[in-house]
């Protein structure tokens, strides 16, 4: 599997976006965090409580910029 070091950041972004959506369903993300990292989503949930997608996106983009190549991908550099 390639780029496994990016999995946690990507999964965190997906969890946060999903948590702030109207049709919240985070069961599979919670399962993935437990199985892949031996962790739960409690701290991530605390970061998302009371925020909308628009409010959380700058923080998500900061995580993705730091820990993944997502920005390069969206600019067509990969």
N, C-alpha and C. Protein backbone atom coordinates (compact mmCIF):
# COMPACT_ATOMS: atom_id res chain seq x y z
N UNK A 1 0.85 -1.18 0.00
CA UNK A 1 0.00 0.00 0.00
C UNK A 1 0.90 1.24 0.00
N UNK A 2 0.61 2.16 -0.87
CA UNK A 2 1.40 3.39 -0.98
C UNK A 2 0.86 4.49 -0.07
N UNK A 3 1.76 5.34 0.39
CA UNK A 3 1.41 6.56 1.12
C UNK A 3 0.55 6.31 2.37
N UNK A 4 0.84 5.24 3.08
CA UNK A 4 0.07 4.94 4.28
C UNK A 4 0.26 5.99 5.37
N UNK A 5 1.33 6.76 5.31
CA UNK A 5 1.55 7.80 6.32
C UNK A 5 0.49 8.91 6.22
N UNK A 6 -0.22 8.98 5.11
CA UNK A 6 -1.25 10.01 4.92
C UNK A 6 -2.63 9.56 5.41
N UNK A 7 -2.77 8.29 5.72
CA UNK A 7 -4.09 7.74 6.03
C UNK A 7 -4.76 8.44 7.20
N UNK A 8 -4.03 8.66 8.29
CA UNK A 8 -4.65 9.26 9.46
C UNK A 8 -5.13 10.68 9.18
N UNK A 9 -4.35 11.47 8.48
CA UNK A 9 -4.77 12.84 8.15
C UNK A 9 -5.99 12.84 7.23
N UNK A 10 -5.98 11.97 6.25
CA UNK A 10 -7.11 11.90 5.31
C UNK A 10 -8.37 11.43 6.03
N UNK A 11 -8.23 10.41 6.85
CA UNK A 11 -9.38 9.90 7.59
C UNK A 11 -9.90 10.94 8.58
N UNK A 12 -9.01 11.70 9.19
CA UNK A 12 -9.42 12.78 10.10
C UNK A 12 -10.23 13.83 9.35
N UNK A 13 -9.77 14.21 8.16
CA UNK A 13 -10.49 15.19 7.35
C UNK A 13 -11.88 14.68 6.98
N UNK A 14 -11.95 13.44 6.56
CA UNK A 14 -13.24 12.85 6.18
C UNK A 14 -14.17 12.81 7.40
N UNK A 15 -13.65 12.41 8.54
CA UNK A 15 -14.45 12.34 9.76
C UNK A 15 -15.02 13.71 10.10
N UNK A 16 -14.17 14.74 10.09
CA UNK A 16 -14.62 16.10 10.45
C UNK A 16 -15.66 16.63 9.48
N UNK A 17 -15.43 16.45 8.19
CA UNK A 17 -16.40 16.91 7.20
C UNK A 17 -17.72 16.19 7.40
N UNK A 18 -17.66 14.89 7.61
CA UNK A 18 -18.87 14.11 7.83
C UNK A 18 -19.57 14.53 9.12
N UNK A 19 -18.80 14.78 10.18
CA UNK A 19 -19.39 15.17 11.46
C UNK A 19 -20.15 16.48 11.35
N UNK A 20 -19.66 17.40 10.54
CA UNK A 20 -20.30 18.71 10.43
C UNK A 20 -21.42 18.73 9.40
N UNK A 21 -21.65 17.63 8.71
CA UNK A 21 -22.72 17.60 7.71
C UNK A 21 -24.06 17.30 8.38
N UNK A 22 -25.13 17.58 7.67
CA UNK A 22 -26.47 17.34 8.20
C UNK A 22 -26.76 15.85 8.34
N UNK A 23 -26.26 15.05 7.43
CA UNK A 23 -26.49 13.61 7.45
C UNK A 23 -25.32 12.89 8.09
N UNK A 24 -25.07 13.19 9.33
CA UNK A 24 -23.92 12.67 10.07
C UNK A 24 -24.03 11.15 10.22
N UNK A 25 -22.98 10.46 9.83
CA UNK A 25 -22.89 9.01 10.01
C UNK A 25 -21.41 8.66 10.12
N UNK A 26 -20.92 8.60 11.33
CA UNK A 26 -19.48 8.42 11.53
C UNK A 26 -19.11 7.03 12.01
N UNK A 27 -20.03 6.08 11.97
CA UNK A 27 -19.75 4.74 12.48
C UNK A 27 -18.55 4.10 11.81
N UNK A 28 -18.47 4.17 10.50
CA UNK A 28 -17.37 3.52 9.79
C UNK A 28 -16.04 4.21 10.08
N UNK A 29 -16.05 5.52 10.23
CA UNK A 29 -14.82 6.24 10.56
C UNK A 29 -14.36 5.89 11.96
N UNK A 30 -15.28 5.79 12.90
CA UNK A 30 -14.91 5.39 14.26
C UNK A 30 -14.30 3.99 14.26
N UNK A 31 -14.89 3.09 13.51
CA UNK A 31 -14.36 1.74 13.38
C UNK A 31 -12.96 1.77 12.79
N UNK A 32 -12.75 2.56 11.75
CA UNK A 32 -11.44 2.64 11.10
C UNK A 32 -10.38 3.16 12.06
N UNK A 33 -10.70 4.19 12.84
CA UNK A 33 -9.73 4.71 13.81
C UNK A 33 -9.36 3.64 14.84
N UNK A 34 -10.34 2.90 15.30
CA UNK A 34 -10.06 1.85 16.28
C UNK A 34 -9.20 0.74 15.68
N UNK A 35 -9.55 0.28 14.48
CA UNK A 35 -8.84 -0.84 13.86
C UNK A 35 -7.47 -0.46 13.33
N UNK A 36 -7.35 0.70 12.70
CA UNK A 36 -6.09 1.09 12.08
C UNK A 36 -5.10 1.71 13.06
N UNK A 37 -5.60 2.48 14.01
CA UNK A 37 -4.71 3.25 14.88
C UNK A 37 -4.83 2.90 16.36
N UNK A 38 -5.77 2.03 16.71
CA UNK A 38 -5.97 1.70 18.11
C UNK A 38 -6.42 2.89 18.92
N UNK A 39 -7.14 3.79 18.30
CA UNK A 39 -7.57 5.03 18.94
C UNK A 39 -9.06 5.25 18.69
N UNK A 40 -9.62 6.18 19.44
CA UNK A 40 -11.02 6.54 19.19
C UNK A 40 -11.08 7.96 18.65
N UNK A 41 -12.28 8.43 18.40
CA UNK A 41 -12.46 9.73 17.75
C UNK A 41 -12.89 10.83 18.73
N UNK A 42 -12.77 10.59 20.02
CA UNK A 42 -13.26 11.57 21.00
C UNK A 42 -12.61 12.94 20.85
N UNK A 43 -11.30 13.01 20.73
CA UNK A 43 -10.64 14.32 20.61
C UNK A 43 -10.98 15.02 19.30
N UNK A 44 -11.09 14.24 18.24
CA UNK A 44 -11.47 14.84 16.95
C UNK A 44 -12.89 15.39 17.05
N UNK A 45 -13.77 14.64 17.69
CA UNK A 45 -15.15 15.09 17.86
C UNK A 45 -15.20 16.41 18.61
N UNK A 46 -14.39 16.54 19.66
CA UNK A 46 -14.36 17.80 20.42
C UNK A 46 -13.96 18.98 19.55
N UNK A 47 -13.08 18.75 18.59
CA UNK A 47 -12.66 19.82 17.68
C UNK A 47 -13.78 20.23 16.72
N UNK A 48 -14.74 19.34 16.52
CA UNK A 48 -15.81 19.58 15.53
C UNK A 48 -17.10 20.10 16.14
N UNK A 49 -17.31 19.89 17.42
CA UNK A 49 -18.58 20.24 18.06
C UNK A 49 -18.88 21.72 17.88
N UNK A 50 -20.08 22.01 17.42
CA UNK A 50 -20.54 23.38 17.27
C UNK A 50 -20.03 24.09 16.03
N UNK A 51 -19.34 23.39 15.15
CA UNK A 51 -18.80 24.02 13.95
C UNK A 51 -19.54 23.52 12.71
N UNK A 52 -19.58 24.38 11.72
CA UNK A 52 -20.11 23.99 10.42
C UNK A 52 -18.95 23.59 9.53
N UNK A 53 -19.25 23.03 8.39
CA UNK A 53 -18.21 22.65 7.44
C UNK A 53 -17.37 23.87 7.05
N UNK A 54 -18.01 24.99 6.85
CA UNK A 54 -17.31 26.21 6.46
C UNK A 54 -16.31 26.65 7.54
N UNK A 55 -16.69 26.48 8.80
CA UNK A 55 -15.81 26.87 9.90
C UNK A 55 -14.64 25.91 10.08
N UNK A 56 -14.86 24.63 9.79
CA UNK A 56 -13.83 23.63 10.05
C UNK A 56 -12.85 23.45 8.89
N UNK A 57 -13.25 23.87 7.69
CA UNK A 57 -12.40 23.64 6.51
C UNK A 57 -11.01 24.27 6.59
N UNK A 58 -10.83 25.47 7.12
CA UNK A 58 -9.45 25.99 7.23
C UNK A 58 -8.55 25.09 8.09
N UNK A 59 -9.10 24.55 9.17
CA UNK A 59 -8.33 23.66 10.02
C UNK A 59 -8.02 22.34 9.31
N UNK A 60 -9.01 21.83 8.58
CA UNK A 60 -8.81 20.59 7.83
C UNK A 60 -7.75 20.80 6.76
N UNK A 61 -7.82 21.91 6.06
CA UNK A 61 -6.83 22.17 5.02
C UNK A 61 -5.43 22.31 5.61
N UNK A 62 -5.32 22.85 6.80
CA UNK A 62 -4.02 22.96 7.45
C UNK A 62 -3.45 21.56 7.75
N UNK A 63 -4.29 20.67 8.23
CA UNK A 63 -3.86 19.29 8.48
C UNK A 63 -3.45 18.62 7.18
N UNK A 64 -4.27 18.78 6.15
CA UNK A 64 -3.96 18.15 4.86
C UNK A 64 -2.69 18.73 4.25
N UNK A 65 -2.49 20.03 4.36
CA UNK A 65 -1.28 20.66 3.83
C UNK A 65 -0.03 20.16 4.55
N UNK A 66 -0.14 19.96 5.84
CA UNK A 66 1.00 19.55 6.65
C UNK A 66 1.34 18.06 6.47
N UNK A 67 0.31 17.22 6.43
CA UNK A 67 0.54 15.78 6.51
C UNK A 67 0.28 15.00 5.23
N UNK A 68 -0.17 15.66 4.17
CA UNK A 68 -0.45 14.96 2.92
C UNK A 68 0.01 15.79 1.73
N UNK A 69 -0.16 15.24 0.57
CA UNK A 69 0.13 15.95 -0.67
C UNK A 69 -1.16 16.36 -1.38
N UNK A 70 -2.23 16.52 -0.61
CA UNK A 70 -3.54 16.83 -1.17
C UNK A 70 -3.53 18.13 -1.97
N UNK A 71 -2.90 19.16 -1.45
CA UNK A 71 -2.87 20.45 -2.14
C UNK A 71 -2.17 20.32 -3.49
N UNK A 72 -1.06 19.61 -3.52
CA UNK A 72 -0.36 19.39 -4.80
C UNK A 72 -1.26 18.62 -5.76
N UNK A 73 -1.99 17.64 -5.22
CA UNK A 73 -2.90 16.84 -6.04
C UNK A 73 -3.99 17.73 -6.67
N UNK A 74 -4.59 18.61 -5.85
CA UNK A 74 -5.67 19.45 -6.37
C UNK A 74 -5.18 20.48 -7.38
N UNK A 75 -3.90 20.83 -7.30
CA UNK A 75 -3.31 21.77 -8.27
C UNK A 75 -2.79 21.04 -9.51
N UNK A 76 -2.89 19.73 -9.53
CA UNK A 76 -2.42 18.96 -10.69
C UNK A 76 -0.93 18.74 -10.72
N UNK A 77 -0.27 18.89 -9.59
CA UNK A 77 1.19 18.74 -9.54
C UNK A 77 1.63 17.29 -9.30
N UNK A 78 0.69 16.41 -9.03
CA UNK A 78 1.04 15.00 -8.81
C UNK A 78 0.57 14.14 -9.96
